[in-house]
């Protein structure tokens, strides 16, 4: 079995309302820079840009 040593938990936070909406894993070796996605924010009730943060609530 493969080890999960290179994978790191991260949270996606809405850039408009600053609410944490999604939890994801990423490979920190293959993707060294921070990610941003356009995903649905349930607080804003529309698609907004979500950026990566390492602080999990």
N, C-alpha and C. Protein backbone atom coordinates (compact mmCIF):
# COMPACT_ATOMS: atom_id res chain seq x y z
N UNK A 1 0.82 -1.18 0.00
CA UNK A 1 0.00 0.00 0.00
C UNK A 1 0.87 1.25 0.00
N UNK A 2 0.36 2.27 -0.61
CA UNK A 2 1.10 3.54 -0.66
C UNK A 2 0.90 4.32 0.63
N UNK A 3 1.95 5.02 1.02
CA UNK A 3 1.85 5.86 2.22
C UNK A 3 1.28 7.21 1.86
N UNK A 4 0.64 7.88 2.82
CA UNK A 4 0.05 9.18 2.58
C UNK A 4 0.92 10.30 3.14
N UNK A 5 2.24 10.13 3.14
CA UNK A 5 3.13 11.10 3.73
C UNK A 5 3.18 12.44 3.02
N UNK A 6 2.97 12.46 1.71
CA UNK A 6 3.07 13.69 0.94
C UNK A 6 1.75 14.46 0.87
N UNK A 7 0.68 13.88 1.34
CA UNK A 7 -0.62 14.54 1.24
C UNK A 7 -0.89 15.38 2.48
N UNK A 8 -1.51 16.55 2.26
CA UNK A 8 -1.73 17.50 3.33
C UNK A 8 -3.19 17.97 3.28
N UNK A 9 -3.83 18.03 4.45
CA UNK A 9 -5.20 18.54 4.52
C UNK A 9 -5.18 20.06 4.40
N UNK A 10 -6.16 20.60 3.69
CA UNK A 10 -6.28 22.04 3.55
C UNK A 10 -7.75 22.41 3.53
N UNK A 11 -8.03 23.66 3.81
CA UNK A 11 -9.39 24.16 3.80
C UNK A 11 -9.50 25.22 2.71
N UNK A 12 -10.68 25.31 2.09
CA UNK A 12 -10.94 26.36 1.12
C UNK A 12 -11.84 27.40 1.76
N UNK A 13 -11.41 28.67 1.70
CA UNK A 13 -12.12 29.77 2.34
C UNK A 13 -12.59 30.73 1.27
N UNK A 14 -13.82 31.17 1.39
CA UNK A 14 -14.40 32.14 0.44
C UNK A 14 -13.67 33.47 0.58
N UNK A 15 -13.33 34.09 -0.54
CA UNK A 15 -12.61 35.36 -0.50
C UNK A 15 -13.53 36.53 -0.19
N UNK A 16 -14.84 36.38 -0.36
CA UNK A 16 -15.77 37.48 -0.12
C UNK A 16 -16.22 37.51 1.33
N UNK A 17 -16.76 36.41 1.84
CA UNK A 17 -17.33 36.39 3.19
C UNK A 17 -16.43 35.72 4.22
N UNK A 18 -15.30 35.16 3.79
CA UNK A 18 -14.30 34.54 4.67
C UNK A 18 -14.82 33.32 5.44
N UNK A 19 -15.81 32.63 4.90
CA UNK A 19 -16.30 31.42 5.56
C UNK A 19 -15.62 30.20 4.96
N UNK A 20 -15.32 29.22 5.81
CA UNK A 20 -14.66 27.99 5.39
C UNK A 20 -15.73 27.02 4.93
N UNK A 21 -15.67 26.61 3.67
CA UNK A 21 -16.73 25.79 3.09
C UNK A 21 -16.30 24.39 2.71
N UNK A 22 -15.05 24.18 2.36
CA UNK A 22 -14.61 22.89 1.83
C UNK A 22 -13.33 22.44 2.50
N UNK A 23 -13.16 21.12 2.64
CA UNK A 23 -11.92 20.50 3.10
C UNK A 23 -11.42 19.61 1.97
N UNK A 24 -10.12 19.69 1.69
CA UNK A 24 -9.53 18.91 0.61
C UNK A 24 -8.16 18.42 1.03
N UNK A 25 -7.62 17.49 0.27
CA UNK A 25 -6.24 17.04 0.40
C UNK A 25 -5.51 17.43 -0.86
N UNK A 26 -4.22 17.75 -0.71
CA UNK A 26 -3.40 18.01 -1.88
C UNK A 26 -2.02 17.41 -1.66
N UNK A 27 -1.37 17.07 -2.74
CA UNK A 27 -0.01 16.54 -2.67
C UNK A 27 0.94 17.71 -2.67
N UNK A 28 1.65 17.92 -1.56
CA UNK A 28 2.51 19.09 -1.44
C UNK A 28 3.78 18.98 -2.26
N UNK A 29 4.11 17.80 -2.79
CA UNK A 29 5.28 17.65 -3.65
C UNK A 29 4.93 18.04 -5.08
N UNK A 30 3.80 17.57 -5.60
CA UNK A 30 3.41 17.84 -6.98
C UNK A 30 2.82 19.23 -7.16
N UNK A 31 2.17 19.78 -6.13
CA UNK A 31 1.52 21.08 -6.22
C UNK A 31 2.09 21.98 -5.12
N UNK A 32 3.22 22.63 -5.35
CA UNK A 32 3.85 23.40 -4.28
C UNK A 32 3.19 24.74 -3.99
N UNK A 33 2.50 25.34 -4.97
CA UNK A 33 1.89 26.65 -4.75
C UNK A 33 0.47 26.52 -4.21
N UNK A 34 -0.08 27.61 -3.70
CA UNK A 34 -1.42 27.60 -3.13
C UNK A 34 -2.47 27.54 -4.24
N UNK A 35 -3.58 26.89 -3.95
CA UNK A 35 -4.63 26.69 -4.93
C UNK A 35 -5.76 27.68 -4.71
N UNK A 36 -6.48 27.96 -5.80
CA UNK A 36 -7.73 28.70 -5.69
C UNK A 36 -8.71 28.14 -6.71
N UNK A 37 -9.94 27.98 -6.28
CA UNK A 37 -10.99 27.39 -7.09
C UNK A 37 -12.20 28.31 -7.09
N UNK A 38 -13.01 28.23 -8.12
CA UNK A 38 -14.29 28.92 -8.14
C UNK A 38 -15.35 27.88 -7.78
N UNK A 39 -15.86 27.98 -6.54
CA UNK A 39 -16.81 27.00 -6.01
C UNK A 39 -18.01 27.73 -5.41
N UNK A 40 -19.06 26.98 -5.10
CA UNK A 40 -20.28 27.55 -4.56
C UNK A 40 -20.11 27.85 -3.08
N UNK A 41 -20.46 29.07 -2.67
CA UNK A 41 -20.42 29.46 -1.27
C UNK A 41 -21.86 29.47 -0.76
N UNK A 42 -22.13 28.69 0.29
CA UNK A 42 -23.49 28.60 0.81
C UNK A 42 -23.90 29.86 1.57
N UNK A 43 -22.94 30.63 2.08
CA UNK A 43 -23.26 31.87 2.79
C UNK A 43 -23.62 32.98 1.80
N UNK A 44 -22.82 33.12 0.76
CA UNK A 44 -23.09 34.13 -0.28
C UNK A 44 -24.18 33.68 -1.25
N UNK A 45 -24.40 32.37 -1.32
CA UNK A 45 -25.36 31.74 -2.22
C UNK A 45 -25.08 32.00 -3.69
N UNK A 46 -23.78 32.00 -4.05
CA UNK A 46 -23.36 32.08 -5.45
C UNK A 46 -21.94 31.55 -5.57
N UNK A 47 -21.48 31.38 -6.78
CA UNK A 47 -20.12 30.89 -7.03
C UNK A 47 -19.12 32.01 -6.80
N UNK A 48 -18.16 31.76 -5.91
CA UNK A 48 -17.12 32.73 -5.57
C UNK A 48 -15.76 32.03 -5.64
N UNK A 49 -14.71 32.80 -5.66
CA UNK A 49 -13.36 32.26 -5.64
C UNK A 49 -13.03 31.85 -4.20
N UNK A 50 -12.55 30.61 -4.04
CA UNK A 50 -12.15 30.08 -2.74
C UNK A 50 -10.64 29.86 -2.77
N UNK A 51 -9.93 30.31 -1.75
CA UNK A 51 -8.49 30.15 -1.67
C UNK A 51 -8.12 29.18 -0.57
N UNK A 52 -6.94 28.61 -0.72
CA UNK A 52 -6.45 27.60 0.21
C UNK A 52 -5.94 28.24 1.50
N UNK A 53 -6.22 27.61 2.63
CA UNK A 53 -5.65 27.97 3.90
C UNK A 53 -5.32 26.69 4.66
N UNK A 54 -4.34 26.75 5.53
CA UNK A 54 -3.95 25.56 6.26
C UNK A 54 -4.65 25.47 7.63
N UNK A 55 -5.33 26.55 8.05
CA UNK A 55 -6.02 26.55 9.33
C UNK A 55 -7.37 25.86 9.17
N UNK A 56 -7.55 24.76 9.89
CA UNK A 56 -8.80 24.01 9.83
C UNK A 56 -9.64 24.35 11.05
N UNK A 57 -10.92 24.59 10.83
CA UNK A 57 -11.83 24.90 11.94
C UNK A 57 -12.51 23.66 12.43
